[in-house]
Amino acid sequence: MAARAETLAAPAARLRVVRIGPVAPEQVTLADGPAFSGRAVSRHLADAREAVAFVLTLGPALETEVAALGQRQDLFEAYLLDLAGWAGIEAAVRVLRRDLVAAFPRARVSHRLGPGHRDWPLTEQGALVSLFEEADAPVRLSEHGVLIPFKSISGLFALRASLDSNGA
């Protein structure tokens, strides 16, 4: 199923470097809006001047095939393909982070944090996705704030100043 998932995946990502505005203990405001709430996102961005906002998807073909397998009652195959899709999206995020490290050699790139992680409300996913032009975004939001296609993820990578060779 991993090989099948690979043939069905059509990864697409959109990135945007954003400046960090005021950071309070439980809220962060981007310099050009919006604001995000929660201690986790505040800590994540507290010592960063910039971050990379992103949305990443594997596209709709994989989940269409998972649904077709389910309709045919091939439930174990559907489960394995779905699992391979989630592994694929996590692998894509790791590749994205590696690419960011190469693109920003003078910065330390954090792990990703996204709406729904820790105490960052999933309801703020719309505000994060709003950073991208709707016509250009490879994802859309359900009425409940879930990304569609389902094999999609969004978040922020903090860009922190690197220490120079003197440790300053």
Protein backbone atom coordinates (compact mmCIF):
# COMPACT_ATOMS: atom_id res chain seq x y z
CA MET A 1 0.00 0.00 0.00
CA ALA A 2 2.96 2.33 0.52
CA ALA A 3 3.85 2.02 -3.17
CA ARG A 4 0.22 2.57 -4.14
CA ALA A 5 0.02 5.65 -1.90
CA GLU A 6 3.13 7.02 -3.55
CA THR A 7 1.56 6.74 -7.00
CA LEU A 8 -1.65 8.42 -5.82
CA ALA A 9 0.00 11.27 -3.93
CA ALA A 10 0.31 14.63 -5.65
CA PRO A 11 2.07 16.75 -3.00
CA ALA A 12 1.45 20.49 -3.12
CA ALA A 13 2.52 23.12 -0.63
CA ARG A 14 2.20 26.84 -0.16
CA LEU A 15 4.55 28.76 2.07
CA ARG A 16 4.63 32.30 3.35
CA VAL A 17 7.22 34.00 5.52
CA VAL A 18 5.40 36.03 8.15
CA ARG A 19 6.72 38.54 10.67
CA ILE A 20 5.88 37.93 14.32
CA GLY A 21 4.17 40.81 16.11
CA PRO A 22 3.32 41.04 19.79
CA VAL A 23 3.70 37.85 21.82
CA ALA A 24 1.75 37.51 25.06
CA PRO A 25 1.72 34.44 27.33
CA GLU A 26 -1.38 33.03 25.62
CA GLN A 27 -1.59 34.91 22.30
CA VAL A 28 0.58 35.75 19.32
CA THR A 29 -0.28 38.31 16.71
CA LEU A 30 1.43 38.24 13.36
CA ALA A 31 2.71 41.65 12.26
CA ASP A 32 0.15 41.74 9.44
CA GLY A 33 -2.49 39.70 11.34
CA PRO A 34 -4.07 37.32 12.34
CA ALA A 35 -3.73 36.45 16.02
CA PHE A 36 -3.43 32.93 17.42
CA SER A 37 -4.22 31.83 20.96
CA GLY A 38 -2.72 29.33 23.34
CA ARG A 39 0.40 28.91 25.41
CA ALA A 40 1.91 26.46 22.92
CA VAL A 41 1.90 28.84 19.95
CA SER A 42 3.10 31.70 22.17
CA ARG A 43 6.06 29.64 23.39
CA HIS A 44 6.69 28.34 19.87
CA LEU A 45 7.08 31.86 18.44
CA ALA A 46 8.27 33.77 21.54
CA ASP A 47 11.90 34.28 20.51
CA ALA A 48 11.39 34.40 16.74
CA ARG A 49 11.06 37.46 14.55
CA GLU A 50 9.72 35.48 11.60
CA ALA A 51 8.01 32.20 10.88
CA VAL A 52 7.09 30.19 7.83
CA ALA A 53 3.37 29.53 7.57
CA PHE A 54 2.50 26.56 5.38
CA VAL A 55 -0.20 24.33 4.04
CA LEU A 56 0.75 20.97 2.57
CA THR A 57 -1.43 18.32 0.96
CA LEU A 58 -1.08 14.99 -0.80
CA GLY A 59 -4.10 15.88 -2.94
CA PRO A 60 -7.49 14.17 -3.25
CA ALA A 61 -6.64 11.00 -5.24
CA LEU A 62 -5.41 8.98 -2.26
CA GLU A 63 -8.46 9.62 -0.12
CA THR A 64 -10.73 8.95 -3.12
CA GLU A 65 -9.10 5.52 -3.45
CA VAL A 66 -9.42 4.89 0.31
CA ALA A 67 -13.14 5.67 0.05
CA ALA A 68 -13.51 3.38 -2.99
CA LEU A 69 -11.83 0.53 -1.13
CA GLY A 70 -14.19 1.10 1.79
CA GLN A 71 -17.21 1.05 -0.52
CA ARG A 72 -16.05 -2.31 -1.87
CA GLN A 73 -15.66 -3.56 1.72
CA ASP A 74 -11.89 -3.93 1.28
CA LEU A 75 -11.54 -2.48 4.75
CA PHE A 76 -8.08 -3.78 5.60
CA GLU A 77 -6.68 -2.43 2.32
CA ALA A 78 -8.47 0.89 2.92
CA TYR A 79 -6.95 1.07 6.39
CA LEU A 80 -3.45 0.32 5.11
CA LEU A 81 -3.71 2.84 2.28
CA ASP A 82 -5.01 5.48 4.68
CA LEU A 83 -2.16 4.73 7.07
CA ALA A 84 0.35 4.96 4.23
CA GLY A 85 -1.14 8.35 3.35
CA TRP A 86 -0.61 9.67 6.87
CA ALA A 87 2.96 8.37 6.82
CA GLY A 88 3.38 10.14 3.49
CA ILE A 89 2.17 13.50 4.78
CA GLU A 90 4.51 13.25 7.78
CA ALA A 91 7.41 12.41 5.45
CA ALA A 92 6.48 15.40 3.28
CA VAL A 93 6.57 17.70 6.33
CA ARG A 94 10.06 16.41 7.19
CA VAL A 95 11.21 17.12 3.62
CA LEU A 96 9.65 20.59 3.83
CA ARG A 97 11.54 21.32 7.06
CA ARG A 98 14.79 20.05 5.52
CA ASP A 99 14.21 22.35 2.54
CA LEU A 100 13.56 25.28 4.88
CA VAL A 101 16.81 24.59 6.74
CA ALA A 102 18.63 24.77 3.39
CA ALA A 103 16.71 27.90 2.30
CA PHE A 104 17.37 29.77 5.56
CA PRO A 105 20.99 28.87 6.40
CA ARG A 106 21.33 31.76 8.87
CA ALA A 107 18.31 30.67 10.92
CA ARG A 108 17.41 27.82 13.19
CA VAL A 109 14.20 26.27 11.89
CA SER A 110 11.92 24.96 14.65
CA HIS A 111 9.73 21.90 14.59
CA ARG A 112 6.28 22.54 13.18
CA LEU A 113 3.30 23.50 15.26
CA GLY A 114 -0.20 23.69 13.88
CA PRO A 115 -3.77 24.33 14.93
CA GLY A 116 -5.08 21.41 16.94
CA HIS A 117 -1.70 20.69 18.56
CA ARG A 118 -1.56 21.09 22.32
CA ASP A 119 -3.74 24.08 23.27
CA TRP A 120 -3.70 25.83 19.88
CA PRO A 121 -7.41 25.64 18.95
CA LEU A 122 -8.27 23.87 15.71
CA THR A 123 -10.85 26.61 15.19
CA GLU A 124 -7.93 28.94 14.32
CA GLN A 125 -7.01 26.83 11.28
CA GLY A 126 -9.07 29.19 9.11
CA ALA A 127 -7.00 32.17 10.23
CA LEU A 128 -3.80 30.33 9.30
CA VAL A 129 -5.14 29.24 5.91
CA SER A 130 -6.33 32.82 5.28
CA LEU A 131 -2.67 33.80 4.92
CA PHE A 132 -2.79 32.21 1.46
CA GLU A 133 -4.76 33.41 -1.54
CA GLU A 134 -7.87 31.24 -1.68
CA ALA A 135 -7.50 30.58 -5.41
CA ASP A 136 -3.87 29.54 -4.90
CA ALA A 137 -4.29 27.41 -1.77
CA PRO A 138 -4.11 23.65 -2.40
CA VAL A 139 -6.57 23.06 0.47
CA ARG A 140 -9.91 24.32 1.67
CA LEU A 141 -11.62 24.17 5.04
CA SER A 142 -14.66 22.15 5.97
CA GLU A 143 -17.39 23.85 7.97
CA HIS A 144 -15.69 22.38 11.09
CA GLY A 145 -12.26 23.81 10.28
CA VAL A 146 -10.77 20.55 8.99
CA LEU A 147 -8.49 20.70 5.96
CA ILE A 148 -9.75 19.14 2.73
CA PRO A 149 -8.25 17.04 1.20
CA PHE A 150 -7.91 15.17 4.50
CA LYS A 151 -4.28 14.20 3.87
CA SER A 152 -3.27 17.81 4.45
CA ILE A 153 -1.54 19.68 7.21
CA SER A 154 -0.90 23.30 8.13
CA GLY A 155 1.31 25.04 10.63
CA LEU A 156 4.16 27.34 11.47
CA PHE A 157 7.90 26.82 11.59
CA ALA A 158 9.61 29.46 13.74
CA LEU A 159 12.75 31.01 12.26
CA ARG A 160 15.17 31.84 15.06
CA ALA A 161 18.48 33.65 14.86
CA SER A 162 21.42 31.27 14.67
CA LEU A 163 24.21 31.52 17.15
CA ASP A 164 27.44 32.62 15.51
CA SER A 165 30.73 30.78 16.07
CA ASN A 166 31.36 32.87 19.22
CA GLY A 167 28.09 31.69 20.76
CA ALA A 168 26.56 35.18 20.52
